Amino acid sequence: MSDRKPDEQLSYEQARAELAQVVERLEAGGTSLEESLALWERGEQLAAACQRSLDGARARIDAARQTAEA
């Protein structure tokens, strides 16, 4: 995971795919406590990035609806 992009440069799809990988690794087990905590923290960051993308998309849809209704 050392060559990853900063969260603000990830597309929704990229963040979601990486989040799925993090979840897979956590569910598989076999990692140290320290590595598990790092994975959990990364998962939280990725989930927040996904939520920001979804919130932005919702705002764009709402703006388009308001424009169409005007």
C-alpha atoms as a PDB file:
ATOM      1  CA  MET A   1       0.000   0.000   0.000  1.00  0.00           C
ATOM      2  CA  SER A   2       3.013   2.314  -0.115  1.00  0.00           C
ATOM      3  CA  ASP A   3       2.305   3.574  -3.655  1.00  0.00           C
ATOM      4  CA  ARG A   4      -1.242   4.693  -2.898  1.00  0.00           C
ATOM      5  CA  LYS A   5      -2.617   8.075  -3.915  1.00  0.00           C
ATOM      6  CA  PRO A   6      -3.705  10.638  -1.339  1.00  0.00           C
ATOM      7  CA  ASP A   7      -7.370  10.089  -0.478  1.00  0.00           C
ATOM      8  CA  GLU A   8      -8.493  13.298  -2.194  1.00  0.00           C
ATOM      9  CA  GLN A   9      -7.019  12.048  -5.491  1.00  0.00           C
ATOM     10  CA  LEU A  10      -8.798   8.683  -5.401  1.00  0.00           C
ATOM     11  CA  SER A  11     -11.910   8.200  -7.443  1.00  0.00           C
ATOM     12  CA  TYR A  12     -14.889   6.674  -5.685  1.00  0.00           C
ATOM     13  CA  GLU A  13     -14.237   3.390  -7.470  1.00  0.00           C
ATOM     14  CA  GLN A  14     -10.565   3.346  -6.460  1.00  0.00           C
ATOM     15  CA  ALA A  15     -11.364   4.085  -2.807  1.00  0.00           C
ATOM     16  CA  ARG A  16     -14.113   1.445  -2.746  1.00  0.00           C
ATOM     17  CA  ALA A  17     -11.830  -1.183  -4.309  1.00  0.00           C
ATOM     18  CA  GLU A  18      -9.048  -0.489  -1.817  1.00  0.00           C
ATOM     19  CA  LEU A  19     -11.570  -0.550   1.026  1.00  0.00           C
ATOM     20  CA  ALA A  20     -12.758  -3.979  -0.137  1.00  0.00           C
ATOM     21  CA  GLN A  21      -9.138  -5.185  -0.060  1.00  0.00           C
ATOM     22  CA  VAL A  22      -8.686  -3.844   3.460  1.00  0.00           C
ATOM     23  CA  VAL A  23     -11.842  -5.600   4.641  1.00  0.00           C
ATOM     24  CA  GLU A  24     -10.690  -8.834   2.981  1.00  0.00           C
ATOM     25  CA  ARG A  25      -7.345  -8.705   4.775  1.00  0.00           C
ATOM     26  CA  LEU A  26      -8.978  -7.967   8.119  1.00  0.00           C
ATOM     27  CA  GLU A  27     -11.478 -10.788   7.694  1.00  0.00           C
ATOM     28  CA  ALA A  28      -8.748 -13.233   6.663  1.00  0.00           C
ATOM     29  CA  GLY A  29      -6.910 -12.640   9.926  1.00  0.00           C
ATOM     30  CA  GLY A  30      -3.313 -13.609  10.440  1.00  0.00           C
ATOM     31  CA  THR A  31      -2.114 -10.046  10.853  1.00  0.00           C
ATOM     32  CA  SER A  32      -0.458  -8.595  13.915  1.00  0.00           C
ATOM     33  CA  LEU A  33      -2.377  -6.273  16.188  1.00  0.00           C
ATOM     34  CA  GLU A  34      -0.369  -3.316  14.887  1.00  0.00           C
ATOM     35  CA  GLU A  35      -1.043  -4.221  11.259  1.00  0.00           C
ATOM     36  CA  SER A  36      -4.733  -4.800  12.000  1.00  0.00           C
ATOM     37  CA  LEU A  37      -4.972  -1.358  13.599  1.00  0.00           C
ATOM     38  CA  ALA A  38      -3.247   0.227  10.597  1.00  0.00           C
ATOM     39  CA  LEU A  39      -5.646  -1.564   8.251  1.00  0.00           C
ATOM     40  CA  TRP A  40      -8.628  -0.450  10.330  1.00  0.00           C
ATOM     41  CA  GLU A  41      -7.435   3.171  10.248  1.00  0.00           C
ATOM     42  CA  ARG A  42      -6.928   2.996   6.483  1.00  0.00           C
ATOM     43  CA  GLY A  43     -10.391   1.511   6.115  1.00  0.00           C
ATOM     44  CA  GLU A  44     -11.860   4.425   8.060  1.00  0.00           C
ATOM     45  CA  GLN A  45     -10.036   6.894   5.796  1.00  0.00           C
ATOM     46  CA  LEU A  46     -11.259   5.129   2.669  1.00  0.00           C
ATOM     47  CA  ALA A  47     -14.836   4.933   3.959  1.00  0.00           C
ATOM     48  CA  ALA A  48     -14.733   8.685   4.629  1.00  0.00           C
ATOM     49  CA  ALA A  49     -13.382   9.314   1.101  1.00  0.00           C
ATOM     50  CA  CYS A  50     -16.225   7.237  -0.351  1.00  0.00           C
ATOM     51  CA  GLN A  51     -18.766   9.146   1.723  1.00  0.00           C
ATOM     52  CA  ARG A  52     -17.361  12.481   0.530  1.00  0.00           C
ATOM     53  CA  SER A  53     -17.707  11.314  -3.075  1.00  0.00           C
ATOM     54  CA  LEU A  54     -21.282  10.192  -2.505  1.00  0.00           C
ATOM     55  CA  ASP A  55     -22.148  13.441  -0.721  1.00  0.00           C
ATOM     56  CA  GLY A  56     -20.694  15.412  -3.638  1.00  0.00           C
ATOM     57  CA  ALA A  57     -22.709  13.383  -6.129  1.00  0.00           C
ATOM     58  CA  ARG A  58     -25.883  13.937  -4.102  1.00  0.00           C
ATOM     59  CA  ALA A  59     -25.237  17.688  -4.028  1.00  0.00           C
ATOM     60  CA  ARG A  60     -24.785  17.731  -7.814  1.00  0.00           C
ATOM     61  CA  ILE A  61     -28.023  15.789  -8.308  1.00  0.00           C
ATOM     62  CA  ASP A  62     -29.901  18.115  -5.965  1.00  0.00           C
ATOM     63  CA  ALA A  63     -28.523  21.171  -7.804  1.00  0.00           C
ATOM     64  CA  ALA A  64     -29.510  19.690 -11.177  1.00  0.00           C
ATOM     65  CA  ARG A  65     -33.035  18.980  -9.906  1.00  0.00           C
ATOM     66  CA  GLN A  66     -33.405  22.533  -8.625  1.00  0.00           C
ATOM     67  CA  THR A  67     -32.235  23.904 -11.962  1.00  0.00           C
ATOM     68  CA  ALA A  68     -34.659  21.649 -13.839  1.00  0.00           C
ATOM     69  CA  GLU A  69     -37.566  22.719 -11.607  1.00  0.00           C
ATOM     70  CA  ALA A  70     -36.821  26.424 -12.018  1.00  0.00           C
END
